[in-house]
Every structure is written in C-alpha cells, then in structure tokens.
Amino acid sequence: MKALHSFLLLGVAVLAGGCTHQTAFQRIAPLPAGVSIDKLDDCIVPAAFTSDDFNWMGGNLRMTVYNEDLYDAVEVSQMKVGDTLVYEGQPMVVRTIKDENGGLTINGGLEEGGCWLTGYEGGTFIPRIWDDHSVYTELGQTQAVLAEDFIVIDCGSEPTDPSDTIRTGQKLYLESLKADRRSFGKFNTRVRFEKGLVKEIKRHWIP
C-alpha cells in the first residue's frame, strides 16, 4: 500500500513538473497610435482625401486619418515560432523567422503570405510591403479645420520633378489638377496640424 502511495505521488510530481515546462506564446501587436482622431492638435499624420473633400465655404477638409504601424523592438527580438503577430489588423501565427536583408522575414515574406519587419528608429520595428511602403491602420474620419494660411507642398508626376509650394490660390490649384492626381493617399500624404488647425498638406512622390 505504501509502495502504491509513493507511486501515485511520483506520478503527480511528474505531471506537475511537465506543466511548468509548457511554452508560453506571446501576442505581438503594433504599438498604440501616438495621436487620437478626436484630438489632432500639434502633430503630423498620414491621411487620405480627394480635392472634392475640401469645403471651401466652411473652411474644412474631410479626411481619413491613419497611423503608421510600428512594433516594439524588444517584443520582436523575443518573438518565436508559435507566437501570434498582429499584421494588417489580422492575427498571424508565426511559423518561421529568418534574419535576412537587415530585417526579419516572417513565414516566408509577402510572397508566401507572411511579412517583412525592418529595424526602425526609437527602438521599434516597422513592417514593409511592396516598394518599401509601410503598413497603416485606419484611425477614422474627421472634419479638419483649415488654417487661413495653410500651404500645399505637392510633388510632381515624375520622381525628379521639383515640388510646388502653394501659399495662395490653393482651391484653384487643387481643382485644376488632372483627374489621376486629385486623390491624396496615406502612402504619400502627410497633414501637419498646429493647435488643431491644418497648417500644411505635403505629398511626396512614390512609385
């Protein structure tokens, strides 16, 4: 009877010891946005809109605001197979991690349904897609008030074209653009706010 009791205790100890060695998987999500859609005071944000979204009589602009996704470098450095990476708003179970080209290739990269992460500033990693573009999360839409002296800095249609700086006649300039240039997107447009007002809209050239 004593031998049976000892055997049972040994079995419990083995099971308990096995539980302590189970791998704990982590969930790695983009860092919280540094701005709030309800409080765009002094900041620069990626945004999307068209020339038709300007309300010149009301002095405002309807636009969709985005956040450029970044990951904490410590969390990424500790990432292992079995962890979950939140990428483009969806959970991705990490199957493979490969260190190459100055960054990390997860699950074979974009060609195989995975992703690429590159070391970035401020102790972060940034996800990259085709043409080296970033990944963005939509924060929402807002009616942004235009400062009376806001300017537009607009790139040309070719990469070597100089940018135009429009300080007056912004309405005429934007409405005279060719149809394919009347849309401003998150990949190449940044809107700068000062004290809650739009002070600058800048579009840079992208492929």
N, C-alpha and C. Protein backbone atom coordinates (compact mmCIF):
# COMPACT_ATOMS: atom_id res chain seq x y z
N MET A 1 0.83 -1.21 0.00
CA MET A 1 0.00 0.00 0.00
C MET A 1 0.86 1.25 0.00
N LYS A 2 1.98 1.17 0.84
CA LYS A 2 2.89 2.29 0.90
C LYS A 2 3.57 2.50 -0.45
N ALA A 3 3.88 1.39 -1.14
CA ALA A 3 4.52 1.48 -2.45
C ALA A 3 3.60 2.13 -3.47
N LEU A 4 2.29 1.78 -3.42
CA LEU A 4 1.30 2.38 -4.32
C LEU A 4 1.18 3.87 -4.06
N HIS A 5 1.18 4.24 -2.77
CA HIS A 5 1.08 5.66 -2.41
C HIS A 5 2.28 6.45 -2.96
N SER A 6 3.47 5.88 -2.83
CA SER A 6 4.68 6.53 -3.34
C SER A 6 4.63 6.67 -4.86
N PHE A 7 4.10 5.63 -5.52
CA PHE A 7 3.99 5.66 -6.98
C PHE A 7 3.05 6.77 -7.44
N LEU A 8 1.92 6.93 -6.74
CA LEU A 8 0.96 7.97 -7.09
C LEU A 8 1.55 9.35 -6.88
N LEU A 9 2.27 9.53 -5.80
CA LEU A 9 2.91 10.82 -5.53
C LEU A 9 3.93 11.15 -6.62
N LEU A 10 4.68 10.14 -7.06
CA LEU A 10 5.67 10.33 -8.11
C LEU A 10 4.99 10.76 -9.41
N GLY A 11 3.83 10.13 -9.71
CA GLY A 11 3.10 10.47 -10.93
C GLY A 11 2.61 11.89 -10.91
N VAL A 12 2.09 12.33 -9.77
CA VAL A 12 1.62 13.71 -9.63
C VAL A 12 2.78 14.67 -9.82
N ALA A 13 3.92 14.34 -9.23
CA ALA A 13 5.10 15.20 -9.35
C ALA A 13 5.55 15.32 -10.80
N VAL A 14 5.52 14.23 -11.54
CA VAL A 14 5.91 14.25 -12.95
C VAL A 14 4.97 15.13 -13.76
N LEU A 15 3.65 14.96 -13.50
CA LEU A 15 2.68 15.78 -14.22
C LEU A 15 2.84 17.25 -13.90
N ALA A 16 3.05 17.56 -12.63
CA ALA A 16 3.23 18.95 -12.22
C ALA A 16 4.47 19.54 -12.84
N GLY A 17 5.54 18.72 -12.86
CA GLY A 17 6.78 19.21 -13.47
C GLY A 17 6.62 19.44 -14.94
N GLY A 18 5.84 18.58 -15.62
CA GLY A 18 5.61 18.76 -17.05
C GLY A 18 4.88 20.04 -17.35
N CYS A 19 3.93 20.42 -16.48
CA CYS A 19 3.16 21.64 -16.71
C CYS A 19 4.03 22.88 -16.62
N THR A 20 5.03 22.86 -15.78
CA THR A 20 5.87 24.05 -15.60
C THR A 20 6.76 24.30 -16.81
N HIS A 21 6.90 23.34 -17.69
CA HIS A 21 7.77 23.48 -18.86
C HIS A 21 7.00 23.79 -20.14
N GLN A 22 5.72 24.04 -20.05
CA GLN A 22 4.95 24.39 -21.24
C GLN A 22 5.39 25.76 -21.76
N THR A 23 5.46 25.89 -23.07
CA THR A 23 5.89 27.13 -23.69
C THR A 23 4.77 28.16 -23.65
N ALA A 24 5.09 29.36 -23.21
CA ALA A 24 4.11 30.46 -23.20
C ALA A 24 4.28 31.28 -24.46
N PHE A 25 3.24 31.34 -25.25
CA PHE A 25 3.29 32.10 -26.50
C PHE A 25 2.81 33.52 -26.25
N GLN A 26 3.39 34.46 -26.99
CA GLN A 26 3.02 35.86 -26.82
C GLN A 26 2.29 36.38 -28.06
N ARG A 27 1.55 37.44 -27.84
CA ARG A 27 0.82 38.13 -28.92
C ARG A 27 1.49 39.49 -29.13
N ILE A 28 2.01 39.71 -30.32
CA ILE A 28 2.75 40.93 -30.63
C ILE A 28 1.90 41.80 -31.54
N ALA A 29 1.48 42.95 -31.04
CA ALA A 29 0.61 43.86 -31.78
C ALA A 29 1.34 45.18 -32.01
N PRO A 30 0.91 45.96 -33.02
CA PRO A 30 1.51 47.28 -33.23
C PRO A 30 1.36 48.16 -31.99
N LEU A 31 2.31 49.04 -31.81
CA LEU A 31 2.25 49.98 -30.70
C LEU A 31 1.03 50.88 -30.84
N PRO A 32 0.48 51.36 -29.74
CA PRO A 32 -0.68 52.27 -29.82
C PRO A 32 -0.33 53.52 -30.62
N ALA A 33 -1.33 54.06 -31.30
CA ALA A 33 -1.13 55.29 -32.08
C ALA A 33 -0.74 56.43 -31.14
N GLY A 34 0.14 57.27 -31.62
CA GLY A 34 0.57 58.40 -30.81
C GLY A 34 -0.38 59.57 -30.85
N VAL A 35 -1.44 59.47 -31.64
CA VAL A 35 -2.42 60.55 -31.75
C VAL A 35 -3.82 59.99 -31.63
N SER A 36 -4.76 60.87 -31.32
CA SER A 36 -6.17 60.50 -31.23
C SER A 36 -6.94 61.24 -32.32
N ILE A 37 -7.85 60.56 -32.96
CA ILE A 37 -8.64 61.18 -34.02
C ILE A 37 -9.46 62.34 -33.48
N ASP A 38 -9.73 62.32 -32.17
CA ASP A 38 -10.54 63.38 -31.55
C ASP A 38 -9.70 64.54 -31.04
N LYS A 39 -8.38 64.42 -31.14
CA LYS A 39 -7.52 65.47 -30.60
C LYS A 39 -6.27 65.61 -31.47
N LEU A 40 -6.41 66.17 -32.63
CA LEU A 40 -5.30 66.39 -33.54
C LEU A 40 -4.81 67.83 -33.34
N ASP A 41 -3.97 68.01 -32.36
CA ASP A 41 -3.53 69.37 -32.01
C ASP A 41 -2.24 69.75 -32.73
N ASP A 42 -1.12 69.22 -32.27
CA ASP A 42 0.18 69.50 -32.85
C ASP A 42 0.82 68.18 -33.26
N CYS A 43 0.63 67.81 -34.50
CA CYS A 43 1.09 66.50 -34.96
C CYS A 43 1.13 66.46 -36.48
N ILE A 44 1.74 65.41 -36.99
CA ILE A 44 1.76 65.13 -38.43
C ILE A 44 1.19 63.73 -38.62
N VAL A 45 0.19 63.60 -39.48
CA VAL A 45 -0.47 62.31 -39.66
C VAL A 45 -0.57 61.93 -41.13
N PRO A 46 -0.48 60.63 -41.44
CA PRO A 46 -0.81 60.17 -42.79
C PRO A 46 -2.32 60.34 -42.99
N ALA A 47 -2.72 60.75 -44.18
CA ALA A 47 -4.15 60.99 -44.42
C ALA A 47 -4.50 60.71 -45.87
N ALA A 48 -5.80 60.50 -46.11
CA ALA A 48 -6.30 60.25 -47.45
C ALA A 48 -7.55 61.09 -47.69
N PHE A 49 -7.63 61.69 -48.86
CA PHE A 49 -8.78 62.51 -49.25
C PHE A 49 -8.65 62.83 -50.73
N THR A 50 -9.64 63.49 -51.28
CA THR A 50 -9.58 63.95 -52.66
C THR A 50 -9.82 65.46 -52.68
N SER A 51 -9.61 66.05 -53.83
CA SER A 51 -9.83 67.50 -53.94
C SER A 51 -11.30 67.85 -53.71
N ASP A 52 -12.21 66.87 -53.89
CA ASP A 52 -13.64 67.12 -53.66
C ASP A 52 -14.00 67.14 -52.18
N ASP A 53 -13.08 66.72 -51.32
CA ASP A 53 -13.35 66.67 -49.88
C ASP A 53 -13.11 68.01 -49.18
N PHE A 54 -12.66 69.01 -49.94
CA PHE A 54 -12.49 70.34 -49.36
C PHE A 54 -13.82 71.10 -49.37
N ASN A 55 -14.17 71.65 -48.25
CA ASN A 55 -15.35 72.52 -48.15
C ASN A 55 -14.81 73.94 -48.00
N TRP A 56 -14.69 74.60 -49.13
CA TRP A 56 -14.03 75.90 -49.12
C TRP A 56 -14.88 76.96 -48.42
N MET A 57 -16.18 76.86 -48.53
CA MET A 57 -17.04 77.83 -47.84
C MET A 57 -16.95 77.64 -46.33
N GLY A 58 -16.89 76.39 -45.88
CA GLY A 58 -16.83 76.12 -44.45
C GLY A 58 -15.42 76.15 -43.89
N GLY A 59 -14.42 76.12 -44.79
CA GLY A 59 -13.03 76.16 -44.35
C GLY A 59 -12.55 74.89 -43.67
N ASN A 60 -13.01 73.74 -44.20
CA ASN A 60 -12.56 72.48 -43.60
C ASN A 60 -12.32 71.41 -44.66
N LEU A 61 -11.74 70.33 -44.22
CA LEU A 61 -11.38 69.22 -45.09
C LEU A 61 -11.79 67.91 -44.44
N ARG A 62 -12.58 67.11 -45.15
CA ARG A 62 -12.96 65.77 -44.67
C ARG A 62 -11.88 64.79 -45.11
N MET A 63 -11.27 64.12 -44.14
CA MET A 63 -10.19 63.20 -44.50
C MET A 63 -10.19 61.99 -43.57
N THR A 64 -9.57 60.92 -44.04
CA THR A 64 -9.37 59.72 -43.24
C THR A 64 -7.95 59.74 -42.71
N VAL A 65 -7.81 59.55 -41.41
CA VAL A 65 -6.51 59.63 -40.74
C VAL A 65 -6.00 58.21 -40.46
N TYR A 66 -4.70 58.03 -40.61
CA TYR A 66 -4.08 56.72 -40.42
C TYR A 66 -2.92 56.81 -39.42
N ASN A 67 -2.53 55.65 -38.92
CA ASN A 67 -1.34 55.54 -38.09
C ASN A 67 -0.38 54.57 -38.76
N GLU A 68 0.89 54.94 -38.82
CA GLU A 68 1.91 54.05 -39.39
C GLU A 68 2.28 53.00 -38.34
N ASP A 69 2.08 51.73 -38.67
CA ASP A 69 2.29 50.66 -37.70
C ASP A 69 3.76 50.49 -37.34
N LEU A 70 4.03 50.35 -36.04
CA LEU A 70 5.36 50.06 -35.52
C LEU A 70 5.24 48.99 -34.43
N TYR A 71 6.29 48.18 -34.29
CA TYR A 71 6.32 47.16 -33.24
C TYR A 71 7.47 47.44 -32.28
N ASP A 72 7.27 47.09 -31.02
CA ASP A 72 8.32 47.25 -30.03
C ASP A 72 9.48 46.30 -30.35
N ALA A 73 10.70 46.84 -30.39
CA ALA A 73 11.86 46.05 -30.79
C ALA A 73 12.14 44.92 -29.82
N VAL A 74 11.89 45.13 -28.53
CA VAL A 74 12.13 44.07 -27.54
C VAL A 74 11.18 42.91 -27.79
N GLU A 75 9.92 43.19 -28.02
CA GLU A 75 8.95 42.12 -28.29
C GLU A 75 9.32 41.36 -29.56
N VAL A 76 9.74 42.09 -30.59
CA VAL A 76 10.11 41.43 -31.85
C VAL A 76 11.36 40.57 -31.65
N SER A 77 12.33 41.07 -30.88
CA SER A 77 13.57 40.31 -30.66
C SER A 77 13.30 39.01 -29.89
N GLN A 78 12.22 38.99 -29.12
CA GLN A 78 11.87 37.79 -28.34
C GLN A 78 10.86 36.90 -29.07
N MET A 79 10.45 37.30 -30.24
CA MET A 79 9.44 36.55 -30.99
C MET A 79 9.97 35.16 -31.35
N LYS A 80 9.10 34.18 -31.25
CA LYS A 80 9.48 32.80 -31.55
C LYS A 80 8.35 32.11 -32.31
N VAL A 81 8.69 30.97 -32.87
CA VAL A 81 7.70 30.17 -33.59
C VAL A 81 6.57 29.80 -32.63
N GLY A 82 5.34 30.01 -33.07
CA GLY A 82 4.17 29.74 -32.25
C GLY A 82 3.53 31.00 -31.71
N ASP A 83 4.29 32.09 -31.68
CA ASP A 83 3.71 33.37 -31.26
C ASP A 83 2.74 33.88 -32.32
N THR A 84 1.93 34.86 -31.94
CA THR A 84 0.98 35.47 -32.88
C THR A 84 1.38 36.92 -33.12
N LEU A 85 1.55 37.28 -34.39
CA LEU A 85 1.86 38.64 -34.79
C LEU A 85 0.61 39.27 -35.41
N VAL A 86 0.16 40.37 -34.87
CA VAL A 86 -0.99 41.08 -35.44
C VAL A 86 -0.46 41.93 -36.60
N TYR A 87 -0.84 41.55 -37.81
CA TYR A 87 -0.30 42.19 -39.01
C TYR A 87 -1.46 42.60 -39.92
N GLU A 88 -1.49 43.87 -40.31
CA GLU A 88 -2.60 44.42 -41.11
C GLU A 88 -3.94 44.12 -40.43
N GLY A 89 -3.95 44.19 -39.10
CA GLY A 89 -5.18 44.01 -38.35
C GLY A 89 -5.62 42.58 -38.15
N GLN A 90 -4.84 41.62 -38.65
CA GLN A 90 -5.22 40.22 -38.56
C GLN A 90 -4.15 39.41 -37.82
N PRO A 91 -4.56 38.39 -37.04
CA PRO A 91 -3.57 37.57 -36.34
C PRO A 91 -2.84 36.64 -37.30
N MET A 92 -1.53 36.59 -37.17
CA MET A 92 -0.70 35.71 -38.00
C MET A 92 0.14 34.84 -37.06
N VAL A 93 -0.08 33.54 -37.08
CA VAL A 93 0.72 32.63 -36.27
C VAL A 93 2.10 32.49 -36.91
N VAL A 94 3.13 32.71 -36.12
CA VAL A 94 4.50 32.68 -36.64
C VAL A 94 4.96 31.24 -36.81
N ARG A 95 5.24 30.87 -38.06
CA ARG A 95 5.73 29.52 -38.37
C ARG A 95 7.23 29.50 -38.57
N THR A 96 7.75 30.56 -39.23
CA THR A 96 9.20 30.64 -39.47
C THR A 96 9.67 32.08 -39.29
N ILE A 97 10.90 32.21 -38.82
CA ILE A 97 11.55 33.52 -38.67
C ILE A 97 12.93 33.43 -39.29
N LYS A 98 13.20 34.30 -40.26
CA LYS A 98 14.50 34.28 -40.92
C LYS A 98 15.10 35.68 -40.88
N ASP A 99 16.34 35.77 -40.40
CA ASP A 99 17.07 37.04 -40.33
C ASP A 99 17.80 37.25 -41.65
N GLU A 100 17.35 38.23 -42.44
CA GLU A 100 17.97 38.48 -43.74
C GLU A 100 17.70 39.89 -44.22
N ASN A 101 18.61 40.39 -45.04
CA ASN A 101 18.47 41.72 -45.65
C ASN A 101 18.28 42.83 -44.61
N GLY A 102 18.94 42.67 -43.47
CA GLY A 102 18.84 43.70 -42.45
C GLY A 102 17.54 43.72 -41.69
N GLY A 103 16.74 42.67 -41.83
CA GLY A 103 15.46 42.61 -41.12
C GLY A 103 15.04 41.18 -40.90
N LEU A 104 13.75 40.99 -40.63
CA LEU A 104 13.22 39.66 -40.38
C LEU A 104 12.17 39.31 -41.43
N THR A 105 12.27 38.11 -41.95
CA THR A 105 11.27 37.58 -42.87
C THR A 105 10.42 36.58 -42.09
N ILE A 106 9.15 36.89 -41.96
CA ILE A 106 8.24 36.04 -41.19
C ILE A 106 7.38 35.21 -42.15
N ASN A 107 7.35 33.91 -41.91
CA ASN A 107 6.52 32.98 -42.73
C ASN A 107 6.78 33.13 -44.22
N GLY A 108 8.05 33.32 -44.57
CA GLY A 108 8.41 33.36 -45.99
C GLY A 108 8.25 34.70 -46.66
N GLY A 109 7.82 35.72 -45.91
CA GLY A 109 7.66 37.05 -46.52
C GLY A 109 6.36 37.19 -47.28
N LEU A 110 6.18 38.34 -47.94
CA LEU A 110 4.93 38.62 -48.64
C LEU A 110 4.62 37.61 -49.72
N GLU A 111 5.68 37.09 -50.37
CA GLU A 111 5.45 36.14 -51.47
C GLU A 111 4.74 34.87 -51.01
N GLU A 112 4.89 34.53 -49.72
CA GLU A 112 4.30 33.30 -49.21
C GLU A 112 3.23 33.56 -48.15
N GLY A 113 2.68 34.78 -48.16
CA GLY A 113 1.62 35.10 -47.22
C GLY A 113 2.10 35.57 -45.86
N GLY A 114 3.40 35.83 -45.74
CA GLY A 114 3.95 36.32 -44.48
C GLY A 114 4.18 37.82 -44.52
N CYS A 115 5.27 38.25 -43.89
CA CYS A 115 5.54 39.69 -43.87
C CYS A 115 7.02 39.94 -43.65
N TRP A 116 7.41 41.19 -43.81
CA TRP A 116 8.79 41.63 -43.56
C TRP A 116 8.79 42.68 -42.46
N LEU A 117 9.73 42.58 -41.54
CA LEU A 117 9.92 43.56 -40.49
C LEU A 117 11.34 44.10 -40.57
N THR A 118 11.48 45.42 -40.49
CA THR A 118 12.78 46.07 -40.59
C THR A 118 13.04 46.92 -39.35
N GLY A 119 14.28 46.90 -38.85
CA GLY A 119 14.64 47.73 -37.72
C GLY A 119 14.42 49.20 -38.04
N TYR A 120 13.86 49.93 -37.09
CA TYR A 120 13.49 51.33 -37.32
C TYR A 120 13.99 52.16 -36.14
N GLU A 121 13.68 53.42 -36.14
CA GLU A 121 14.17 54.34 -35.11
C GLU A 121 13.39 54.19 -33.81
N GLY A 122 14.00 54.68 -32.74
CA GLY A 122 13.31 54.72 -31.45
C GLY A 122 13.00 53.37 -30.84
N GLY A 123 13.85 52.36 -31.12
CA GLY A 123 13.61 51.04 -30.53
C GLY A 123 12.39 50.34 -31.07
N THR A 124 12.18 50.43 -32.37
CA THR A 124 10.99 49.82 -32.99
C THR A 124 11.37 49.02 -34.23
N PHE A 125 10.42 48.20 -34.67
CA PHE A 125 10.49 47.55 -35.98
C PHE A 125 9.30 48.05 -36.78
N ILE A 126 9.50 48.17 -38.10
CA ILE A 126 8.43 48.64 -38.98
C ILE A 126 8.15 47.58 -40.04
N PRO A 127 6.88 47.27 -40.30
CA PRO A 127 6.57 46.32 -41.36
C PRO A 127 6.65 47.01 -42.72
N ARG A 128 7.19 46.31 -43.69
CA ARG A 128 7.31 46.85 -45.05
C ARG A 128 6.57 45.96 -46.04
N ILE A 129 5.95 46.61 -47.03
CA ILE A 129 5.29 45.86 -48.11
C ILE A 129 6.00 46.19 -49.42
N TRP A 130 5.35 45.97 -50.52
CA TRP A 130 5.97 46.21 -51.82
C TRP A 130 6.39 47.67 -51.97
N ASP A 131 7.48 47.88 -52.73
CA ASP A 131 8.03 49.22 -52.97
C ASP A 131 8.45 49.90 -51.67
N ASP A 132 8.71 49.10 -50.64
CA ASP A 132 9.19 49.60 -49.36
C ASP A 132 8.17 50.47 -48.63
N HIS A 133 6.89 50.34 -48.96
CA HIS A 133 5.86 51.11 -48.26
C HIS A 133 5.61 50.52 -46.87
N SER A 134 5.08 51.38 -45.99
CA SER A 134 4.73 50.95 -44.64
C SER A 134 3.33 50.35 -44.61
N VAL A 135 2.98 49.80 -43.46
CA VAL A 135 1.63 49.30 -43.21
C VAL A 135 0.92 50.30 -42.30
N TYR A 136 -0.34 50.61 -42.61
CA TYR A 136 -1.07 51.63 -41.88
C TYR A 136 -2.37 51.06 -41.29
N THR A 137 -2.74 51.64 -40.14
CA THR A 137 -4.02 51.31 -39.52
C THR A 137 -4.91 52.54 -39.57
N GLU A 138 -6.14 52.37 -40.02
CA GLU A 138 -7.07 53.50 -40.09
C GLU A 138 -7.54 53.89 -38.70
N LEU A 139 -7.44 55.19 -38.39
CA LEU A 139 -7.90 55.70 -37.10
C LEU A 139 -9.32 56.25 -37.17
N GLY A 140 -9.74 56.64 -38.38
CA GLY A 140 -11.09 57.17 -38.54
C GLY A 140 -11.14 58.41 -39.41
N GLN A 141 -12.33 58.95 -39.58
CA GLN A 141 -12.53 60.15 -40.39
C GLN A 141 -12.74 61.37 -39.49
N THR A 142 -12.36 62.53 -40.02
CA THR A 142 -12.54 63.76 -39.27
C THR A 142 -12.77 64.91 -40.23
N GLN A 143 -13.42 65.95 -39.72
CA GLN A 143 -13.57 67.20 -40.44
C GLN A 143 -12.53 68.16 -39.87
N ALA A 144 -11.43 68.32 -40.59
CA ALA A 144 -10.32 69.13 -40.09
C ALA A 144 -10.49 70.58 -40.55
N VAL A 145 -10.27 71.50 -39.62
CA VAL A 145 -10.40 72.92 -39.92
C VAL A 145 -9.10 73.42 -40.56
N LEU A 146 -9.22 74.13 -41.66
CA LEU A 146 -8.06 74.65 -42.38
C LEU A 146 -7.62 75.98 -41.78
N ALA A 147 -6.33 76.12 -41.51
CA ALA A 147 -5.80 77.42 -41.10
C ALA A 147 -5.89 78.37 -42.29
N GLU A 148 -6.08 79.62 -42.03
CA GLU A 148 -6.20 80.60 -43.11
C GLU A 148 -4.95 80.66 -43.98
N ASP A 149 -3.80 80.37 -43.38
CA ASP A 149 -2.54 80.45 -44.12
C ASP A 149 -1.96 79.06 -44.41
N PHE A 150 -2.81 78.03 -44.49
CA PHE A 150 -2.26 76.69 -44.74
C PHE A 150 -1.64 76.63 -46.13
N ILE A 151 -0.63 75.79 -46.27
CA ILE A 151 0.06 75.66 -47.55
C ILE A 151 -0.04 74.22 -48.06
N VAL A 152 0.13 74.08 -49.36
CA VAL A 152 0.18 72.77 -50.01
C VAL A 152 1.55 72.62 -50.64
N ILE A 153 2.24 71.55 -50.29
CA ILE A 153 3.53 71.22 -50.92
C ILE A 153 3.29 69.94 -51.71
N ASP A 154 3.35 70.07 -53.02
CA ASP A 154 2.94 68.96 -53.87
C ASP A 154 4.06 68.53 -54.80
N CYS A 155 4.32 67.23 -54.83
CA CYS A 155 5.35 66.69 -55.71
C CYS A 155 4.87 66.71 -57.16
N GLY A 156 5.81 66.53 -58.07
CA GLY A 156 5.45 66.43 -59.47
C GLY A 156 5.03 65.02 -59.83
N SER A 157 4.72 64.80 -61.08
CA SER A 157 4.27 63.47 -61.51
C SER A 157 5.44 62.52 -61.75
N GLU A 158 6.67 63.07 -61.82
CA GLU A 158 7.87 62.26 -62.02
C GLU A 158 8.78 62.42 -60.80
N PRO A 159 9.60 61.40 -60.51
CA PRO A 159 10.42 61.46 -59.29
C PRO A 159 11.42 62.60 -59.26
N THR A 160 11.85 63.07 -60.41
CA THR A 160 12.84 64.15 -60.45
C THR A 160 12.20 65.54 -60.54
N ASP A 161 10.87 65.60 -60.62
CA ASP A 161 10.20 66.90 -60.69
C ASP A 161 10.32 67.62 -59.35
N PRO A 162 10.55 68.93 -59.37
CA PRO A 162 10.57 69.68 -58.11
C PRO A 162 9.16 69.81 -57.54
N SER A 163 9.07 69.96 -56.23
CA SER A 163 7.76 70.12 -55.59
C SER A 163 7.28 71.55 -55.74
N ASP A 164 5.97 71.73 -55.85
CA ASP A 164 5.35 73.05 -55.89
C ASP A 164 4.89 73.41 -54.48
N THR A 165 5.15 74.64 -54.07
CA THR A 165 4.66 75.13 -52.78
C THR A 165 3.58 76.17 -53.05
N ILE A 166 2.36 75.84 -52.66
CA ILE A 166 1.20 76.69 -52.94
C ILE A 166 0.80 77.42 -51.66
N ARG A 167 1.03 78.72 -51.62
CA ARG A 167 0.70 79.53 -50.45
C ARG A 167 -0.59 80.32 -50.63
N THR A 168 -0.97 80.56 -51.87
CA THR A 168 -2.22 81.24 -52.19
C THR A 168 -2.89 80.52 -53.36
N GLY A 169 -4.18 80.67 -53.49
CA GLY A 169 -4.89 80.02 -54.59
C GLY A 169 -4.91 78.51 -54.49
N GLN A 170 -4.96 77.99 -53.25
CA GLN A 170 -4.96 76.52 -53.08
C GLN A 170 -6.17 75.88 -53.74
N LYS A 171 -7.32 76.53 -53.64
CA LYS A 171 -8.54 75.99 -54.25
C LYS A 171 -8.37 75.84 -55.75
N LEU A 172 -7.89 76.87 -56.40
CA LEU A 172 -7.69 76.84 -57.84
C LEU A 172 -6.68 75.77 -58.21
N TYR A 173 -5.60 75.68 -57.45
CA TYR A 173 -4.56 74.69 -57.76
C TYR A 173 -5.12 73.27 -57.67
N LEU A 174 -5.79 72.95 -56.57
CA LEU A 174 -6.27 71.59 -56.35
C LEU A 174 -7.35 71.21 -57.36
N GLU A 175 -8.20 72.13 -57.71
CA GLU A 175 -9.27 71.83 -58.65
C GLU A 175 -8.78 71.76 -60.09
N SER A 176 -7.60 72.27 -60.35
CA SER A 176 -7.05 72.24 -61.71
C SER A 176 -6.15 71.03 -61.95
N LEU A 177 -5.95 70.20 -60.91
CA LEU A 177 -5.12 69.01 -61.08
C LEU A 177 -5.79 68.02 -62.03
N LYS A 178 -4.97 67.24 -62.72
CA LYS A 178 -5.51 66.19 -63.57
C LYS A 178 -6.23 65.16 -62.69
N ALA A 179 -7.17 64.46 -63.28
CA ALA A 179 -8.04 63.55 -62.53
C ALA A 179 -7.25 62.54 -61.70
N ASP A 180 -6.17 62.01 -62.26
CA ASP A 180 -5.42 60.98 -61.54
C ASP A 180 -4.56 61.54 -60.41
N ARG A 181 -4.52 62.87 -60.27
CA ARG A 181 -3.73 63.47 -59.19
C ARG A 181 -4.61 64.18 -58.16
N ARG A 182 -5.91 64.02 -58.29
CA ARG A 182 -6.81 64.67 -57.34
C ARG A 182 -7.02 63.85 -56.07
N SER A 183 -6.50 62.64 -56.06
CA SER A 183 -6.60 61.80 -54.86
C SER A 183 -5.28 61.80 -54.11
N PHE A 184 -5.36 62.05 -52.82
CA PHE A 184 -4.20 62.04 -51.94
C PHE A 184 -4.32 60.82 -51.03
N GLY A 185 -3.26 60.01 -50.94
CA GLY A 185 -3.35 58.76 -50.19
C GLY A 185 -2.42 58.68 -49.00
N LYS A 186 -2.67 57.69 -48.18
CA LYS A 186 -1.90 57.51 -46.94
C LYS A 186 -0.43 57.23 -47.18
N PHE A 187 -0.10 56.62 -48.33
CA PHE A 187 1.29 56.27 -48.59
C PHE A 187 2.17 57.49 -48.85
N ASN A 188 1.59 58.55 -49.39
CA ASN A 188 2.45 59.68 -49.78
C ASN A 188 1.97 61.04 -49.28
N THR A 189 0.96 61.09 -48.44
CA THR A 189 0.42 62.37 -47.98
C THR A 189 0.53 62.50 -46.47
N ARG A 190 1.06 63.63 -46.04
CA ARG A 190 1.16 63.93 -44.61
C ARG A 190 0.50 65.29 -44.36
N VAL A 191 -0.32 65.35 -43.31
CA VAL A 191 -1.01 66.58 -42.94
C VAL A 191 -0.47 67.03 -41.58
N ARG A 192 0.00 68.26 -41.54
CA ARG A 192 0.55 68.80 -40.29
C ARG A 192 -0.46 69.73 -39.62
N PHE A 193 -0.70 69.44 -38.34
CA PHE A 193 -1.63 70.24 -37.54
C PHE A 193 -0.84 71.12 -36.56
N GLU A 194 -1.34 72.32 -36.37
CA GLU A 194 -0.84 73.21 -35.32
C GLU A 194 -2.04 73.77 -34.58
N LYS A 195 -2.09 73.51 -33.27
CA LYS A 195 -3.18 73.99 -32.42
C LYS A 195 -4.55 73.60 -32.98
N GLY A 196 -4.61 72.39 -33.52
CA GLY A 196 -5.87 71.85 -34.02
C GLY A 196 -6.24 72.26 -35.42
N LEU A 197 -5.40 73.06 -36.09
CA LEU A 197 -5.69 73.52 -37.45
C LEU A 197 -4.72 72.91 -38.45
N VAL A 198 -5.20 72.66 -39.66
CA VAL A 198 -4.34 72.16 -40.72
C VAL A 198 -3.45 73.31 -41.21
N LYS A 199 -2.14 73.12 -41.02
CA LYS A 199 -1.19 74.16 -41.45
C LYS A 199 -0.46 73.78 -42.73
N GLU A 200 -0.36 72.49 -42.99
CA GLU A 200 0.40 72.07 -44.18
C GLU A 200 -0.09 70.72 -44.68
N ILE A 201 -0.25 70.62 -45.98
CA ILE A 201 -0.53 69.35 -46.65
C ILE A 201 0.64 69.08 -47.58
N LYS A 202 1.31 67.96 -47.37
CA LYS A 202 2.50 67.66 -48.17
C LYS A 202 2.38 66.29 -48.81
N ARG A 203 2.56 66.27 -50.12
CA ARG A 203 2.53 65.00 -50.84
C ARG A 203 3.89 64.77 -51.49
N HIS A 204 4.49 63.60 -51.23
CA HIS A 204 5.77 63.28 -51.84
C HIS A 204 5.58 62.20 -52.90
N TRP A 205 6.53 62.11 -53.80
CA TRP A 205 6.42 61.17 -54.91
C TRP A 205 6.67 59.74 -54.42
N ILE A 206 5.88 58.82 -54.92
CA ILE A 206 6.09 57.40 -54.67
C ILE A 206 5.93 56.64 -55.97
N PRO A 207 6.53 55.44 -56.07
CA PRO A 207 6.36 54.63 -57.28
C PRO A 207 4.92 54.18 -57.47
